[in-house]
Structure formats: structure tokens, C-alpha cells
């Protein structure tokens, strides 16, 4: 298996193949947008009520690589799906007022609470981001195999998967995951379809009993 960085892919496919590639990549773009929308909604819900929906969405764009050309579409789709009545509802928490704000213990307690909230928000963002990256990798894998199917008779599996990875401009860590898993899926398919060559029939030698051998030797 050639490493991903050394795989070269060819161009100059026929008009029919080019059209099928265009359709495959359009489908991949749409699938990627839908995955980002769904995962961004889950991301925002995971961080509520620690941060606002706007802050959580900006955090999603930092944790998950979303192409710049896709961000406005993803943002609009997320806003349509979010339950802002619930997310924007005020949190019922006790807030000190009056002279209690000047007590040293109150100030220290508020500072510690803010630090705990920020730490919890960072932890949730990391976990939700990892979940989103896994879902995105699964989407890319499915779409990369569709491109491999289109190019199956034109190039090697390595070239077809590299074609998808470079066209979709995947970041290095995600590219390697998709490339490796894509090759594994191709291997499962091709090895399962491989027909075992029939073995030649065994030549059965006649079994001669001991008494028969004695008579033959004596004759």
C-alpha cells in the first residue's frame, strides 16, 4: 500500500466519468453540510446553559474544521433547528446583591464559580468536538467510497481515495483516517469477492491389501 502523500492521481477522464464525478462531489458537499448542521446543533445543546448559543456555535467552528465557504450555510441551518425558547431561558441561580457583593468571600466564590463553569465548558466542547469529528469522518468515508466506485475502472483504489481527499481538501489527520478506512473497506469487498481457484482433483491410488501384496510379490 502506498502512503497517502506519495499517491498521484490522474486527470483527463472521459466526459461520462467527469459528469459522474461532479455528481459524486456535489453529493459529498451536501452530505458534509448536513453532518455539520446536525453535529453543530448537538454541540450547542451540549454546552447549554454554560455559554450562549452564539458562543457555542463559534466554539464549534474552532473545534471542528468547517470550510469557510460552508460556514454561513451551516450557521443558518443550525439557527433554524435550535430551540431558542429553551436555550435563551434565564437560568435560575442565586445572585448576591447589595452589600453582599462587597464581601471578600462573595467575590472569591463568584471567581471560583466562573472558573468551574469555564473549565466545564471547555471539557464539554472537547468531547462534543471529538464526537462531531467522528461523525464527519464517517460521512467522508462514505462519500470517498462513492468516488472510488465511480473511478473503479479508471484508477487504483489508492488513487481514487486520494482524488477525493485532495478535492475535498481534508486536513491531514482526517485525510489519513479516511484513506486507511477506505482502503480497508475496499479490501473487505475485493477479498470477499475473490473466487478461490479450484484445486485439481486428487489422484486416488488403489488401496492394495497386505495379502494381495504378498501374492503379487510371490508370483
C-alpha atoms as a PDB file:
ATOM      1  CA  UNK A   1       0.000   0.000   0.000  1.00  0.00           C
ATOM      2  CA  UNK A   2       1.431   3.371  -0.990  1.00  0.00           C
ATOM      3  CA  UNK A   3       1.417   6.122   1.672  1.00  0.00           C
ATOM      4  CA  UNK A   4      -1.158   8.811   1.023  1.00  0.00           C
ATOM      5  CA  UNK A   5       1.441  11.536   0.481  1.00  0.00           C
ATOM      6  CA  UNK A   6       3.031   9.574  -2.383  1.00  0.00           C
ATOM      7  CA  UNK A   7      -0.177   8.728  -4.265  1.00  0.00           C
ATOM      8  CA  UNK A   8      -0.665  10.617  -7.513  1.00  0.00           C
ATOM      9  CA  UNK A   9      -3.992  10.749  -9.281  1.00  0.00           C
ATOM     10  CA  UNK A  10      -4.655  11.166 -12.946  1.00  0.00           C
ATOM     11  CA  UNK A  11      -6.932  13.615 -14.727  1.00  0.00           C
ATOM     12  CA  UNK A  12      -8.338  13.652 -18.233  1.00  0.00           C
ATOM     13  CA  UNK A  13     -11.215  11.241 -17.622  1.00  0.00           C
ATOM     14  CA  UNK A  14     -13.931  10.778 -20.212  1.00  0.00           C
ATOM     15  CA  UNK A  15     -16.926  13.122 -20.290  1.00  0.00           C
ATOM     16  CA  UNK A  16     -19.164  10.457 -18.741  1.00  0.00           C
ATOM     17  CA  UNK A  17     -16.792   9.847 -15.852  1.00  0.00           C
ATOM     18  CA  UNK A  18     -16.317  13.582 -15.335  1.00  0.00           C
ATOM     19  CA  UNK A  19     -20.076  14.067 -15.052  1.00  0.00           C
ATOM     20  CA  UNK A  20     -20.406  11.214 -12.569  1.00  0.00           C
ATOM     21  CA  UNK A  21     -17.568  12.714 -10.542  1.00  0.00           C
ATOM     22  CA  UNK A  22     -19.340  16.075 -10.482  1.00  0.00           C
ATOM     23  CA  UNK A  23     -22.473  14.426  -9.142  1.00  0.00           C
ATOM     24  CA  UNK A  24     -20.474  12.458  -6.550  1.00  0.00           C
ATOM     25  CA  UNK A  25     -18.723  15.570  -5.262  1.00  0.00           C
ATOM     26  CA  UNK A  26     -21.953  17.580  -5.186  1.00  0.00           C
ATOM     27  CA  UNK A  27     -23.460  14.801  -3.083  1.00  0.00           C
ATOM     28  CA  UNK A  28     -20.382  14.800  -0.839  1.00  0.00           C
ATOM     29  CA  UNK A  29     -20.668  18.556  -0.284  1.00  0.00           C
ATOM     30  CA  UNK A  30     -24.351  18.283   0.635  1.00  0.00           C
ATOM     31  CA  UNK A  31     -23.684  15.361   2.974  1.00  0.00           C
ATOM     32  CA  UNK A  32     -20.893  17.292   4.676  1.00  0.00           C
ATOM     33  CA  UNK A  33     -23.155  20.321   5.182  1.00  0.00           C
ATOM     34  CA  UNK A  34     -25.912  18.185   6.697  1.00  0.00           C
ATOM     35  CA  UNK A  35     -23.460  16.454   9.034  1.00  0.00           C
ATOM     36  CA  UNK A  36     -22.103  19.807  10.211  1.00  0.00           C
ATOM     37  CA  UNK A  37     -25.617  21.120  10.835  1.00  0.00           C
ATOM     38  CA  UNK A  38     -26.648  18.081  12.874  1.00  0.00           C
ATOM     39  CA  UNK A  39     -23.424  17.957  14.884  1.00  0.00           C
ATOM     40  CA  UNK A  40     -23.361  21.713  15.499  1.00  0.00           C
ATOM     41  CA  UNK A  41     -26.868  21.526  16.975  1.00  0.00           C
ATOM     42  CA  UNK A  42     -25.739  18.699  19.279  1.00  0.00           C
ATOM     43  CA  UNK A  43     -22.632  20.729  20.138  1.00  0.00           C
ATOM     44  CA  UNK A  44     -24.668  23.795  21.141  1.00  0.00           C
ATOM     45  CA  UNK A  45     -27.050  21.681  23.203  1.00  0.00           C
ATOM     46  CA  UNK A  46     -24.106  20.055  24.975  1.00  0.00           C
ATOM     47  CA  UNK A  47     -22.703  23.405  26.086  1.00  0.00           C
ATOM     48  CA  UNK A  48     -26.015  24.866  27.255  1.00  0.00           C
ATOM     49  CA  UNK A  49     -26.542  26.603  29.641  1.00  0.00           C
ATOM     50  CA  UNK A  50     -22.852  27.209  30.346  1.00  0.00           C
ATOM     51  CA  UNK A  51     -22.474  29.526  27.336  1.00  0.00           C
ATOM     52  CA  UNK A  52     -24.851  31.226  24.931  1.00  0.00           C
ATOM     53  CA  UNK A  53     -25.872  29.600  21.660  1.00  0.00           C
ATOM     54  CA  UNK A  54     -23.795  32.129  19.689  1.00  0.00           C
ATOM     55  CA  UNK A  55     -20.706  31.422  21.789  1.00  0.00           C
ATOM     56  CA  UNK A  56     -21.217  27.669  21.463  1.00  0.00           C
ATOM     57  CA  UNK A  57     -21.524  27.894  17.678  1.00  0.00           C
ATOM     58  CA  UNK A  58     -18.316  29.911  17.428  1.00  0.00           C
ATOM     59  CA  UNK A  59     -16.665  27.275  19.611  1.00  0.00           C
ATOM     60  CA  UNK A  60     -17.889  24.585  17.194  1.00  0.00           C
ATOM     61  CA  UNK A  61     -16.151  26.342  14.312  1.00  0.00           C
ATOM     62  CA  UNK A  62     -12.930  26.356  16.353  1.00  0.00           C
ATOM     63  CA  UNK A  63     -13.138  22.707  17.392  1.00  0.00           C
ATOM     64  CA  UNK A  64     -14.279  21.281  14.046  1.00  0.00           C
ATOM     65  CA  UNK A  65     -12.742  22.196  10.656  1.00  0.00           C
ATOM     66  CA  UNK A  66     -15.619  23.763   8.704  1.00  0.00           C
ATOM     67  CA  UNK A  67     -14.641  25.205   5.298  1.00  0.00           C
ATOM     68  CA  UNK A  68     -15.132  28.981   5.151  1.00  0.00           C
ATOM     69  CA  UNK A  69     -17.393  28.636   2.119  1.00  0.00           C
ATOM     70  CA  UNK A  70     -19.667  26.369   4.148  1.00  0.00           C
ATOM     71  CA  UNK A  71     -19.928  28.295   7.413  1.00  0.00           C
ATOM     72  CA  UNK A  72     -22.792  30.622   6.520  1.00  0.00           C
ATOM     73  CA  UNK A  73     -24.887  27.724   5.255  1.00  0.00           C
ATOM     74  CA  UNK A  74     -24.135  25.690   8.380  1.00  0.00           C
ATOM     75  CA  UNK A  75     -24.855  28.649  10.665  1.00  0.00           C
ATOM     76  CA  UNK A  76     -28.223  29.291   9.007  1.00  0.00           C
ATOM     77  CA  UNK A  77     -29.180  25.623   9.207  1.00  0.00           C
ATOM     78  CA  UNK A  78     -28.226  25.453  12.887  1.00  0.00           C
ATOM     79  CA  UNK A  79     -30.237  28.554  13.780  1.00  0.00           C
ATOM     80  CA  UNK A  80     -33.316  27.094  12.107  1.00  0.00           C
ATOM     81  CA  UNK A  81     -33.007  23.876  14.137  1.00  0.00           C
ATOM     82  CA  UNK A  82     -32.168  25.278  17.576  1.00  0.00           C
ATOM     83  CA  UNK A  83     -34.797  25.644  20.295  1.00  0.00           C
ATOM     84  CA  UNK A  84     -34.049  29.218  21.320  1.00  0.00           C
ATOM     85  CA  UNK A  85     -37.025  29.363  23.680  1.00  0.00           C
ATOM     86  CA  UNK A  86     -35.239  26.801  25.831  1.00  0.00           C
ATOM     87  CA  UNK A  87     -31.675  27.955  25.194  1.00  0.00           C
ATOM     88  CA  UNK A  88     -32.357  31.629  25.902  1.00  0.00           C
ATOM     89  CA  UNK A  89     -34.433  30.979  29.023  1.00  0.00           C
ATOM     90  CA  UNK A  90     -32.865  32.613  32.090  1.00  0.00           C
ATOM     91  CA  UNK A  91     -31.075  30.254  34.444  1.00  0.00           C
ATOM     92  CA  UNK A  92     -32.497  30.301  37.946  1.00  0.00           C
ATOM     93  CA  UNK A  93     -29.363  30.819  40.033  1.00  0.00           C
ATOM     94  CA  UNK A  94     -28.918  32.869  43.212  1.00  0.00           C
ATOM     95  CA  UNK A  95     -27.048  36.120  42.631  1.00  0.00           C
ATOM     96  CA  UNK A  96     -25.705  38.133  45.559  1.00  0.00           C
ATOM     97  CA  UNK A  97     -26.701  41.771  45.660  1.00  0.00           C
ATOM     98  CA  UNK A  98     -26.310  44.821  47.813  1.00  0.00           C
ATOM     99  CA  UNK A  99     -23.618  44.778  50.430  1.00  0.00           C
ATOM    100  CA  UNK A 100     -23.023  41.070  49.943  1.00  0.00           C
ATOM    101  CA  UNK A 101     -21.246  41.872  46.668  1.00  0.00           C
ATOM    102  CA  UNK A 102     -18.540  43.641  48.681  1.00  0.00           C
ATOM    103  CA  UNK A 103     -17.808  40.706  50.956  1.00  0.00           C
ATOM    104  CA  UNK A 104     -14.426  39.102  50.138  1.00  0.00           C
ATOM    105  CA  UNK A 105     -15.916  35.643  50.420  1.00  0.00           C
ATOM    106  CA  UNK A 106     -18.597  36.520  47.856  1.00  0.00           C
ATOM    107  CA  UNK A 107     -16.044  37.778  45.329  1.00  0.00           C
ATOM    108  CA  UNK A 108     -13.845  34.709  45.791  1.00  0.00           C
ATOM    109  CA  UNK A 109     -16.842  32.402  45.474  1.00  0.00           C
ATOM    110  CA  UNK A 110     -18.009  34.088  42.258  1.00  0.00           C
ATOM    111  CA  UNK A 111     -14.493  33.877  40.786  1.00  0.00           C
ATOM    112  CA  UNK A 112     -14.267  30.184  41.588  1.00  0.00           C
ATOM    113  CA  UNK A 113     -17.708  29.539  40.124  1.00  0.00           C
ATOM    114  CA  UNK A 114     -16.763  31.300  36.890  1.00  0.00           C
ATOM    115  CA  UNK A 115     -13.570  29.242  36.686  1.00  0.00           C
ATOM    116  CA  UNK A 116     -15.510  25.998  37.220  1.00  0.00           C
ATOM    117  CA  UNK A 117     -18.044  26.988  34.573  1.00  0.00           C
ATOM    118  CA  UNK A 118     -15.292  27.819  32.058  1.00  0.00           C
ATOM    119  CA  UNK A 119     -13.481  24.545  32.755  1.00  0.00           C
ATOM    120  CA  UNK A 120     -16.697  22.548  32.350  1.00  0.00           C
ATOM    121  CA  UNK A 121     -17.476  24.367  29.099  1.00  0.00           C
ATOM    122  CA  UNK A 122     -14.006  23.558  27.730  1.00  0.00           C
ATOM    123  CA  UNK A 123     -14.385  19.899  28.683  1.00  0.00           C
ATOM    124  CA  UNK A 124     -17.800  19.627  27.036  1.00  0.00           C
ATOM    125  CA  UNK A 125     -16.522  21.411  23.928  1.00  0.00           C
ATOM    126  CA  UNK A 126     -13.658  18.950  23.598  1.00  0.00           C
ATOM    127  CA  UNK A 127     -15.918  15.924  23.974  1.00  0.00           C
ATOM    128  CA  UNK A 128     -18.617  17.251  21.665  1.00  0.00           C
ATOM    129  CA  UNK A 129     -15.958  18.241  19.136  1.00  0.00           C
ATOM    130  CA  UNK A 130     -14.496  14.731  19.142  1.00  0.00           C
ATOM    131  CA  UNK A 131     -17.982  13.310  18.583  1.00  0.00           C
ATOM    132  CA  UNK A 132     -18.539  15.690  15.663  1.00  0.00           C
ATOM    133  CA  UNK A 133     -15.183  14.798  14.081  1.00  0.00           C
ATOM    134  CA  UNK A 134     -16.056  11.110  14.254  1.00  0.00           C
ATOM    135  CA  UNK A 135     -19.398  11.710  12.539  1.00  0.00           C
ATOM    136  CA  UNK A 136     -17.710  13.860   9.906  1.00  0.00           C
ATOM    137  CA  UNK A 137     -15.094  11.187   9.219  1.00  0.00           C
ATOM    138  CA  UNK A 138     -17.869   8.620   8.726  1.00  0.00           C
ATOM    139  CA  UNK A 139     -19.539  10.941   6.218  1.00  0.00           C
ATOM    140  CA  UNK A 140     -16.270  11.480   4.348  1.00  0.00           C
ATOM    141  CA  UNK A 141     -15.593   7.747   4.285  1.00  0.00           C
ATOM    142  CA  UNK A 142     -18.976   7.001   2.723  1.00  0.00           C
ATOM    143  CA  UNK A 143     -18.567   9.708   0.096  1.00  0.00           C
ATOM    144  CA  UNK A 144     -14.945   8.737  -0.641  1.00  0.00           C
ATOM    145  CA  UNK A 145     -16.105   5.197  -1.383  1.00  0.00           C
ATOM    146  CA  UNK A 146     -18.693   6.624  -3.777  1.00  0.00           C
ATOM    147  CA  UNK A 147     -15.895   8.382  -5.664  1.00  0.00           C
ATOM    148  CA  UNK A 148     -13.880   5.158  -5.607  1.00  0.00           C
ATOM    149  CA  UNK A 149     -16.888   3.394  -7.142  1.00  0.00           C
ATOM    150  CA  UNK A 150     -17.054   5.962  -9.957  1.00  0.00           C
ATOM    151  CA  UNK A 151     -13.325   5.626 -10.676  1.00  0.00           C
ATOM    152  CA  UNK A 152     -13.076   1.886 -10.082  1.00  0.00           C
ATOM    153  CA  UNK A 153     -12.397   1.062 -13.732  1.00  0.00           C
ATOM    154  CA  UNK A 154     -10.140   4.086 -14.249  1.00  0.00           C
ATOM    155  CA  UNK A 155      -7.573   4.158 -11.440  1.00  0.00           C
ATOM    156  CA  UNK A 156      -6.399   2.187  -8.423  1.00  0.00           C
ATOM    157  CA  UNK A 157      -8.283   2.411  -5.098  1.00  0.00           C
ATOM    158  CA  UNK A 158      -5.423   4.450  -3.643  1.00  0.00           C
ATOM    159  CA  UNK A 159      -5.656   6.974  -6.473  1.00  0.00           C
ATOM    160  CA  UNK A 160      -9.442   7.194  -6.201  1.00  0.00           C
ATOM    161  CA  UNK A 161      -9.364   7.830  -2.451  1.00  0.00           C
ATOM    162  CA  UNK A 162      -6.559  10.361  -2.843  1.00  0.00           C
ATOM    163  CA  UNK A 163      -8.646  12.092  -5.530  1.00  0.00           C
ATOM    164  CA  UNK A 164     -11.463  12.573  -3.010  1.00  0.00           C
ATOM    165  CA  UNK A 165      -9.189  13.663  -0.164  1.00  0.00           C
ATOM    166  CA  UNK A 166      -7.402  16.289  -2.235  1.00  0.00           C
ATOM    167  CA  UNK A 167     -10.544  17.539  -3.943  1.00  0.00           C
ATOM    168  CA  UNK A 168     -12.364  17.959  -0.607  1.00  0.00           C
ATOM    169  CA  UNK A 169      -9.171  19.386   0.956  1.00  0.00           C
ATOM    170  CA  UNK A 170      -9.314  17.286   4.111  1.00  0.00           C
ATOM    171  CA  UNK A 171      -6.946  18.207   6.966  1.00  0.00           C
ATOM    172  CA  UNK A 172      -4.014  15.778   7.356  1.00  0.00           C
ATOM    173  CA  UNK A 173      -5.259  13.838  10.390  1.00  0.00           C
ATOM    174  CA  UNK A 174      -8.715  13.336   8.889  1.00  0.00           C
ATOM    175  CA  UNK A 175      -7.274  12.535   5.468  1.00  0.00           C
ATOM    176  CA  UNK A 176      -5.193   9.683   6.853  1.00  0.00           C
ATOM    177  CA  UNK A 177      -8.190   8.232   8.708  1.00  0.00           C
ATOM    178  CA  UNK A 178     -10.401   8.316   5.601  1.00  0.00           C
ATOM    179  CA  UNK A 179      -7.617   6.909   3.415  1.00  0.00           C
ATOM    180  CA  UNK A 180      -6.881   3.999   5.760  1.00  0.00           C
ATOM    181  CA  UNK A 181     -10.516   3.125   6.434  1.00  0.00           C
ATOM    182  CA  UNK A 182     -11.361   3.477   2.754  1.00  0.00           C
ATOM    183  CA  UNK A 183      -8.657   1.007   1.770  1.00  0.00           C
ATOM    184  CA  UNK A 184      -9.853  -1.365   4.473  1.00  0.00           C
ATOM    185  CA  UNK A 185     -13.399  -1.202   3.091  1.00  0.00           C
ATOM    186  CA  UNK A 186     -12.128  -1.862  -0.447  1.00  0.00           C
ATOM    187  CA  UNK A 187     -10.096  -4.803   0.838  1.00  0.00           C
ATOM    188  CA  UNK A 188     -13.152  -6.295   2.543  1.00  0.00           C
ATOM    189  CA  UNK A 189     -15.110  -6.024  -0.692  1.00  0.00           C
ATOM    190  CA  UNK A 190     -12.477  -7.305  -3.072  1.00  0.00           C
ATOM    191  CA  UNK A 191     -11.232 -10.124  -0.869  1.00  0.00           C
ATOM    192  CA  UNK A 192     -14.789 -11.284  -0.221  1.00  0.00           C
ATOM    193  CA  UNK A 193     -15.446 -11.367  -3.975  1.00  0.00           C
ATOM    194  CA  UNK A 194     -12.222 -13.177  -4.781  1.00  0.00           C
ATOM    195  CA  UNK A 195     -13.010 -16.619  -6.119  1.00  0.00           C
ATOM    196  CA  UNK A 196     -10.784 -19.348  -4.842  1.00  0.00           C
ATOM    197  CA  UNK A 197      -9.199 -21.219  -7.736  1.00  0.00           C
ATOM    198  CA  UNK A 198     -10.430 -24.793  -7.913  1.00  0.00           C
ATOM    199  CA  UNK A 199      -7.842 -27.325  -6.898  1.00  0.00           C
ATOM    200  CA  UNK A 200      -7.148 -30.216  -9.290  1.00  0.00           C
ATOM    201  CA  UNK A 201      -8.870 -33.431  -8.320  1.00  0.00           C
ATOM    202  CA  UNK A 202      -6.728 -35.670  -6.199  1.00  0.00           C
ATOM    203  CA  UNK A 203      -5.483 -38.817  -7.921  1.00  0.00           C
ATOM    204  CA  UNK A 204      -6.760 -41.664  -5.819  1.00  0.00           C
ATOM    205  CA  UNK A 205      -4.381 -44.620  -5.725  1.00  0.00           C
ATOM    206  CA  UNK A 206      -5.941 -48.028  -5.325  1.00  0.00           C
ATOM    207  CA  UNK A 207      -5.600 -49.482  -1.876  1.00  0.00           C
ATOM    208  CA  UNK A 208      -3.960 -52.872  -2.031  1.00  0.00           C
ATOM    209  CA  UNK A 209      -4.359 -55.155   0.956  1.00  0.00           C
ATOM    210  CA  UNK A 210      -1.376 -56.850   2.636  1.00  0.00           C
ATOM    211  CA  UNK A 211      -2.405 -60.342   1.464  1.00  0.00           C
ATOM    212  CA  UNK A 212      -2.748 -59.090  -2.106  1.00  0.00           C
ATOM    213  CA  UNK A 213       0.749 -57.556  -1.963  1.00  0.00           C
ATOM    214  CA  UNK A 214       2.246 -60.872  -0.708  1.00  0.00           C
ATOM    215  CA  UNK A 215       0.626 -62.813  -3.550  1.00  0.00           C
ATOM    216  CA  UNK A 216       1.788 -60.271  -6.125  1.00  0.00           C
ATOM    217  CA  UNK A 217       5.353 -60.417  -4.774  1.00  0.00           C
ATOM    218  CA  UNK A 218       5.374 -64.194  -4.693  1.00  0.00           C
ATOM    219  CA  UNK A 219       4.084 -64.570  -8.233  1.00  0.00           C
END
